[in-house]
């Protein structure tokens, strides 16, 4: 019976690869009549049900919309799979290959569009698809093209960092993750990242009871505290000028209790860290560093103690 069920799964996988999920589901359900307790058959059939309507609706959408529909639904699929008891990896891989191969093909039809922002987004999504298919170097190439088209986007830079780590290049990965979370933590899509570096850091910060938007803001703070974001670059003169302006603005925001202080506080702490790093790399006088440290101490004494090692 186990051999017959395994054979049915292989046949179903072939149908899924062809996009014929309805027939695959029927085949799996037929096999279940003779093997009711087979968890792998049940899981594969439920996956077919989950994806069938979307796959069948694809021809009615334009090419970019097809890619978006598949990529967005994958996030929901991942959450569903995480709740499963021992999901069969081969089944997940089969759907991953079908979903992202199809999305990649559809996104690719939009590469020659003239609009710069749209081109950057298309390259980002193509890079994401290649990453999901395990081709990290090709993914990185498209993400670098996206970053060249529109610089300073935290989501693109985070994806580049993710690919570098998956390629085993941890130094550029750390630099870029630090950069992405400095630019805008809220634009970093954690559910799309697979880097062991960011995965472990996220787990550590989650253990502190943080989630959602607050989690994203505290990741760079604890990334500095735990020594994960330890590869730094020197800021350009215009960047340090903008950083000082942003610090001044955030300090004023902190004075207004009507603002969301839970999000402003970690963002301001990270800005102070960047200011101190700049002062140290530029060999600025110690008084500026001490002033920034005092501000950290006033804002959050516990973070100050962890940051300075005065525990």
Protein backbone atom coordinates (compact mmCIF):
# COMPACT_ATOMS: atom_id res chain seq x y z
CA UNK A 1 0.00 0.00 0.00
CA UNK A 2 2.82 2.41 0.88
CA UNK A 3 4.49 1.74 -2.50
CA UNK A 4 1.22 2.45 -4.33
CA UNK A 5 0.69 5.70 -2.38
CA UNK A 6 4.27 6.80 -3.07
CA UNK A 7 3.76 6.11 -6.76
CA UNK A 8 0.54 8.15 -6.71
CA UNK A 9 2.41 11.06 -5.14
CA UNK A 10 5.03 10.98 -7.90
CA UNK A 11 2.30 11.00 -10.56
CA UNK A 12 0.54 13.86 -8.78
CA UNK A 13 3.79 15.86 -8.68
CA UNK A 14 4.08 15.52 -12.45
CA UNK A 15 0.54 16.85 -12.87
CA UNK A 16 1.24 19.74 -10.50
CA UNK A 17 4.30 20.65 -12.56
CA UNK A 18 2.04 20.83 -15.62
CA UNK A 19 -0.41 23.07 -13.74
CA UNK A 20 -3.12 20.41 -13.67
CA UNK A 21 -3.93 20.62 -9.97
CA UNK A 22 -7.54 19.56 -10.31
CA UNK A 23 -6.55 16.20 -11.80
CA UNK A 24 -3.73 15.80 -9.27
CA UNK A 25 -6.17 16.38 -6.40
CA UNK A 26 -8.63 13.85 -7.81
CA UNK A 27 -5.86 11.27 -8.12
CA UNK A 28 -4.72 11.86 -4.54
CA UNK A 29 -8.24 11.65 -3.15
CA UNK A 30 -8.84 8.41 -5.05
CA UNK A 31 -5.68 6.95 -3.49
CA UNK A 32 -6.90 8.05 -0.05
CA UNK A 33 -9.93 5.73 -0.30
CA UNK A 34 -7.49 2.84 0.06
CA UNK A 35 -5.06 4.55 2.42
CA UNK A 36 -7.17 6.84 4.64
CA UNK A 37 -4.49 7.58 7.24
CA UNK A 38 -1.75 8.57 4.79
CA UNK A 39 -0.75 12.04 5.99
CA UNK A 40 1.38 12.72 2.91
CA UNK A 41 -1.53 12.13 0.54
CA UNK A 42 -3.82 14.32 2.68
CA UNK A 43 -1.24 17.13 2.77
CA UNK A 44 -0.61 17.03 -0.99
CA UNK A 45 -4.37 17.05 -1.72
CA UNK A 46 -4.91 20.03 0.60
CA UNK A 47 -2.07 21.91 -1.15
CA UNK A 48 -3.77 21.27 -4.50
CA UNK A 49 -7.00 22.71 -3.09
CA UNK A 50 -5.15 25.76 -1.79
CA UNK A 51 -3.51 26.59 -5.13
CA UNK A 52 -6.03 25.33 -7.68
CA UNK A 53 -8.27 28.40 -8.01
CA UNK A 54 -5.31 30.78 -8.34
CA UNK A 55 -3.56 28.63 -10.95
CA UNK A 56 -6.76 28.30 -12.98
CA UNK A 57 -7.40 32.07 -12.85
CA UNK A 58 -3.93 33.05 -14.09
CA UNK A 59 -4.81 33.25 -17.82
CA UNK A 60 -7.37 35.97 -17.05
CA UNK A 61 -4.68 38.26 -15.57
CA UNK A 62 -1.93 40.29 -17.24
CA UNK A 63 1.59 38.93 -16.90
CA UNK A 64 2.80 41.10 -14.00
CA UNK A 65 -0.43 40.51 -12.09
CA UNK A 66 0.06 36.76 -12.50
CA UNK A 67 3.46 36.99 -10.88
CA UNK A 68 2.13 39.16 -8.05
CA UNK A 69 -0.78 36.80 -7.38
CA UNK A 70 1.53 33.80 -7.08
CA UNK A 71 4.19 35.51 -4.96
CA UNK A 72 1.65 37.05 -2.56
CA UNK A 73 -0.20 33.76 -2.12
CA UNK A 74 3.09 31.99 -1.38
CA UNK A 75 3.37 33.98 1.84
CA UNK A 76 -0.02 32.67 2.97
CA UNK A 77 0.96 29.15 1.89
CA UNK A 78 4.13 29.33 4.02
CA UNK A 79 2.13 30.31 7.10
CA UNK A 80 -0.24 27.44 6.47
CA UNK A 81 2.60 24.94 6.05
CA UNK A 82 4.22 26.14 9.30
CA UNK A 83 1.11 25.01 11.16
CA UNK A 84 1.22 21.52 9.62
CA UNK A 85 2.44 18.47 11.48
CA UNK A 86 5.41 17.02 9.55
CA UNK A 87 4.62 18.36 6.05
CA UNK A 88 6.33 16.40 3.28
CA UNK A 89 9.24 18.47 1.96
CA UNK A 90 8.97 16.97 -1.53
CA UNK A 91 5.41 18.28 -1.80
CA UNK A 92 6.45 21.78 -0.70
CA UNK A 93 9.35 21.72 -3.16
CA UNK A 94 7.03 20.67 -6.00
CA UNK A 95 4.72 23.62 -5.36
CA UNK A 96 7.64 26.00 -4.84
CA UNK A 97 9.08 25.02 -8.21
CA UNK A 98 5.73 25.37 -9.99
CA UNK A 99 4.79 28.67 -8.35
CA UNK A 100 8.11 30.46 -8.82
CA UNK A 101 8.90 29.07 -12.26
CA UNK A 102 5.52 30.37 -13.44
CA UNK A 103 5.95 33.72 -11.66
CA UNK A 104 9.46 34.09 -13.10
CA UNK A 105 8.19 33.52 -16.62
CA UNK A 106 5.45 36.11 -16.21
CA UNK A 107 7.62 38.77 -14.55
CA UNK A 108 10.19 38.31 -17.32
CA UNK A 109 7.66 39.56 -19.87
CA UNK A 110 7.85 42.99 -18.23
CA UNK A 111 11.61 43.57 -18.23
CA UNK A 112 11.58 45.85 -21.27
CA UNK A 113 9.11 48.34 -19.73
CA UNK A 114 10.62 51.84 -19.79
CA UNK A 115 9.54 53.12 -16.37
CA UNK A 116 12.53 53.07 -13.99
CA UNK A 117 10.55 52.33 -10.82
CA UNK A 118 8.61 49.56 -12.52
CA UNK A 119 11.84 48.10 -13.93
CA UNK A 120 13.38 48.07 -10.43
CA UNK A 121 10.33 46.32 -9.00
CA UNK A 122 10.30 43.77 -11.82
CA UNK A 123 13.99 43.01 -11.28
CA UNK A 124 13.39 42.69 -7.54
CA UNK A 125 10.61 40.18 -8.07
CA UNK A 126 12.61 38.23 -10.67
CA UNK A 127 15.51 38.12 -8.21
CA UNK A 128 13.16 36.89 -5.51
CA UNK A 129 11.85 34.12 -7.77
CA UNK A 130 15.37 32.96 -8.63
CA UNK A 131 16.22 32.96 -4.92
CA UNK A 132 13.20 30.78 -4.17
CA UNK A 133 14.34 28.39 -6.91
CA UNK A 134 17.80 28.17 -5.32
CA UNK A 135 19.75 30.14 -7.95
CA UNK A 136 21.19 32.72 -5.55
CA UNK A 137 23.86 34.16 -7.86
CA UNK A 138 21.39 34.91 -10.67
CA UNK A 139 19.00 36.32 -8.08
CA UNK A 140 21.73 38.64 -6.81
CA UNK A 141 22.42 39.90 -10.33
CA UNK A 142 18.79 40.98 -10.81
CA UNK A 143 18.64 42.53 -7.34
CA UNK A 144 21.79 44.53 -8.06
CA UNK A 145 20.17 45.75 -11.27
CA UNK A 146 17.10 46.77 -9.27
CA UNK A 147 19.28 48.62 -6.77
CA UNK A 148 21.09 50.44 -9.58
CA UNK A 149 17.77 51.52 -11.10
CA UNK A 150 16.39 52.88 -7.82
CA UNK A 151 18.93 53.33 -5.02
CA UNK A 152 18.13 53.37 -1.32
CA UNK A 153 15.22 50.93 -1.19
CA UNK A 154 15.38 48.90 2.01
CA UNK A 155 13.44 45.95 0.58
CA UNK A 156 15.83 45.54 -2.37
CA UNK A 157 18.93 45.92 -0.19
CA UNK A 158 17.60 43.37 2.33
CA UNK A 159 17.02 40.87 -0.49
CA UNK A 160 20.59 41.45 -1.72
CA UNK A 161 21.87 40.84 1.81
CA UNK A 162 19.80 37.66 1.97
CA UNK A 163 21.35 36.35 -1.25
CA UNK A 164 24.89 37.17 -0.15
CA UNK A 165 24.39 35.18 3.04
CA UNK A 166 22.86 32.27 1.12
CA UNK A 167 25.93 32.39 -1.16
CA UNK A 168 28.15 32.10 1.93
CA UNK A 169 29.42 35.70 1.80
CA UNK A 170 28.71 36.91 5.26
CA UNK A 171 30.62 40.24 5.22
CA UNK A 172 28.64 41.96 2.41
CA UNK A 173 25.49 40.37 3.85
CA UNK A 174 26.02 42.02 7.24
CA UNK A 175 26.85 45.39 5.67
CA UNK A 176 23.68 45.34 3.57
CA UNK A 177 21.37 44.06 6.31
CA UNK A 178 22.64 46.85 8.55
CA UNK A 179 21.99 49.31 5.72
CA UNK A 180 18.47 48.05 4.97
CA UNK A 181 17.36 48.19 8.61
CA UNK A 182 18.82 51.68 8.95
CA UNK A 183 17.04 53.01 5.86
CA UNK A 184 13.59 51.74 6.82
CA UNK A 185 12.96 48.63 8.96
CA UNK A 186 9.26 48.73 8.08
CA UNK A 187 10.04 48.05 4.40
CA UNK A 188 12.03 44.88 5.16
CA UNK A 189 9.84 41.82 4.50
CA UNK A 190 11.05 39.27 7.06
CA UNK A 191 8.78 36.53 5.72
CA UNK A 192 10.70 36.63 2.41
CA UNK A 193 14.17 36.35 3.99
CA UNK A 194 15.94 33.01 4.40
CA UNK A 195 19.35 34.12 5.67
CA UNK A 196 20.58 32.19 8.74
CA UNK A 197 22.08 35.47 10.00
CA UNK A 198 18.78 37.35 10.06
CA UNK A 199 16.81 34.26 11.07
CA UNK A 200 18.82 33.78 14.28
CA UNK A 201 18.74 37.50 15.08
CA UNK A 202 14.97 37.65 14.55
CA UNK A 203 14.50 34.66 16.85
CA UNK A 204 16.57 36.35 19.59
CA UNK A 205 14.58 39.57 19.35
CA UNK A 206 11.27 37.68 19.24
CA UNK A 207 12.24 36.01 22.53
CA UNK A 208 12.09 39.46 24.11
CA UNK A 209 8.37 39.54 23.46
CA UNK A 210 8.52 41.79 20.42
CA UNK A 211 6.50 41.28 17.25
CA UNK A 212 5.15 43.08 14.19
CA UNK A 213 6.33 46.64 13.58
CA UNK A 214 8.15 46.86 16.92
CA UNK A 215 10.13 43.71 16.12
CA UNK A 216 11.35 45.26 12.87
CA UNK A 217 12.50 48.44 14.63
CA UNK A 218 14.36 46.56 17.38
CA UNK A 219 16.18 44.15 15.05
CA UNK A 220 18.93 46.69 14.14
CA UNK A 221 19.28 47.72 17.79
CA UNK A 222 19.87 44.16 18.96
CA UNK A 223 21.80 43.44 15.78
CA UNK A 224 24.33 45.97 17.09
CA UNK A 225 24.11 44.75 20.70
CA UNK A 226 24.65 41.09 19.75
CA UNK A 227 27.48 41.92 17.33
CA UNK A 228 25.58 40.78 14.23
CA UNK A 229 25.68 44.16 12.48
CA UNK A 230 29.39 44.52 13.10
CA UNK A 231 30.59 45.28 9.55
CA UNK A 232 30.36 49.03 9.05
CA UNK A 233 31.04 51.64 6.40
CA UNK A 234 32.03 55.27 6.62
CA UNK A 235 29.22 57.75 5.95
CA UNK A 236 29.58 60.38 3.24
CA UNK A 237 29.42 64.07 4.30
CA UNK A 238 25.86 64.48 2.97
CA UNK A 239 24.80 61.29 4.76
CA UNK A 240 26.09 62.42 8.15
CA UNK A 241 24.38 65.76 7.63
CA UNK A 242 21.09 64.00 6.93
CA UNK A 243 21.61 61.66 9.90
CA UNK A 244 22.02 64.59 12.28
CA UNK A 245 18.86 66.19 10.90
CA UNK A 246 16.94 62.93 11.28
CA UNK A 247 18.16 62.53 14.88
CA UNK A 248 16.97 66.06 15.69
CA UNK A 249 13.56 65.32 14.13
CA UNK A 250 13.18 62.01 15.99
CA UNK A 251 14.20 63.62 19.31
CA UNK A 252 11.38 66.13 18.84
CA UNK A 253 8.96 63.34 17.94
CA UNK A 254 9.87 61.57 21.20
CA UNK A 255 8.67 64.64 23.14
CA UNK A 256 5.13 64.27 21.81
CA UNK A 257 3.23 61.50 23.67
CA UNK A 258 0.70 61.38 20.82
CA UNK A 259 3.35 59.80 18.59
CA UNK A 260 4.05 56.07 18.55
CA UNK A 261 7.00 56.16 20.95
CA UNK A 262 7.35 52.36 20.86
CA UNK A 263 8.51 52.68 17.23
CA UNK A 264 10.38 55.99 17.49
CA UNK A 265 12.56 54.91 20.42
CA UNK A 266 14.37 51.96 18.77
CA UNK A 267 14.72 53.96 15.51
CA UNK A 268 16.40 56.79 17.46
CA UNK A 269 18.66 54.36 19.34
CA UNK A 270 19.87 52.93 16.04
CA UNK A 271 20.55 56.45 14.74
CA UNK A 272 22.71 57.13 17.79
CA UNK A 273 24.63 53.89 17.09
CA UNK A 274 25.29 55.05 13.52
CA UNK A 275 26.40 58.47 14.76
CA UNK A 276 28.86 56.89 17.21
CA UNK A 277 30.18 54.58 14.47
CA UNK A 278 30.70 57.61 12.23
CA UNK A 279 32.58 59.48 14.95
CA UNK A 280 34.84 56.49 15.61
CA UNK A 281 35.56 55.79 11.92
CA UNK A 282 36.14 59.49 11.18
CA UNK A 283 38.20 59.82 14.38
CA UNK A 284 36.02 62.67 15.59
CA UNK A 285 36.66 64.06 19.07
CA UNK A 286 35.54 61.94 22.01
CA UNK A 287 33.13 64.58 23.33
CA UNK A 288 30.64 63.88 20.51
CA UNK A 289 30.74 60.16 21.28
CA UNK A 290 30.17 60.79 24.99
CA UNK A 291 27.25 63.09 24.18
CA UNK A 292 25.61 60.37 22.04
CA UNK A 293 26.22 57.76 24.75
CA UNK A 294 24.56 60.00 27.33
CA UNK A 295 21.52 60.34 25.08
CA UNK A 296 21.34 56.53 24.76
CA UNK A 297 21.57 56.19 28.55
CA UNK A 298 18.71 58.66 29.08
CA UNK A 299 16.58 57.01 26.39
CA UNK A 300 17.09 53.39 27.52
CA UNK A 301 19.43 52.57 30.39
CA UNK A 302 19.28 48.82 29.76
CA UNK A 303 20.34 49.23 26.11
CA UNK A 304 23.07 51.63 27.22
CA UNK A 305 24.45 49.03 29.64
CA UNK A 306 24.33 46.28 27.01
CA UNK A 307 25.91 48.54 24.38
CA UNK A 308 28.76 49.74 26.60
CA UNK A 309 29.26 46.43 28.39
CA UNK A 310 28.50 48.01 31.79
CA UNK A 311 26.30 45.18 33.02
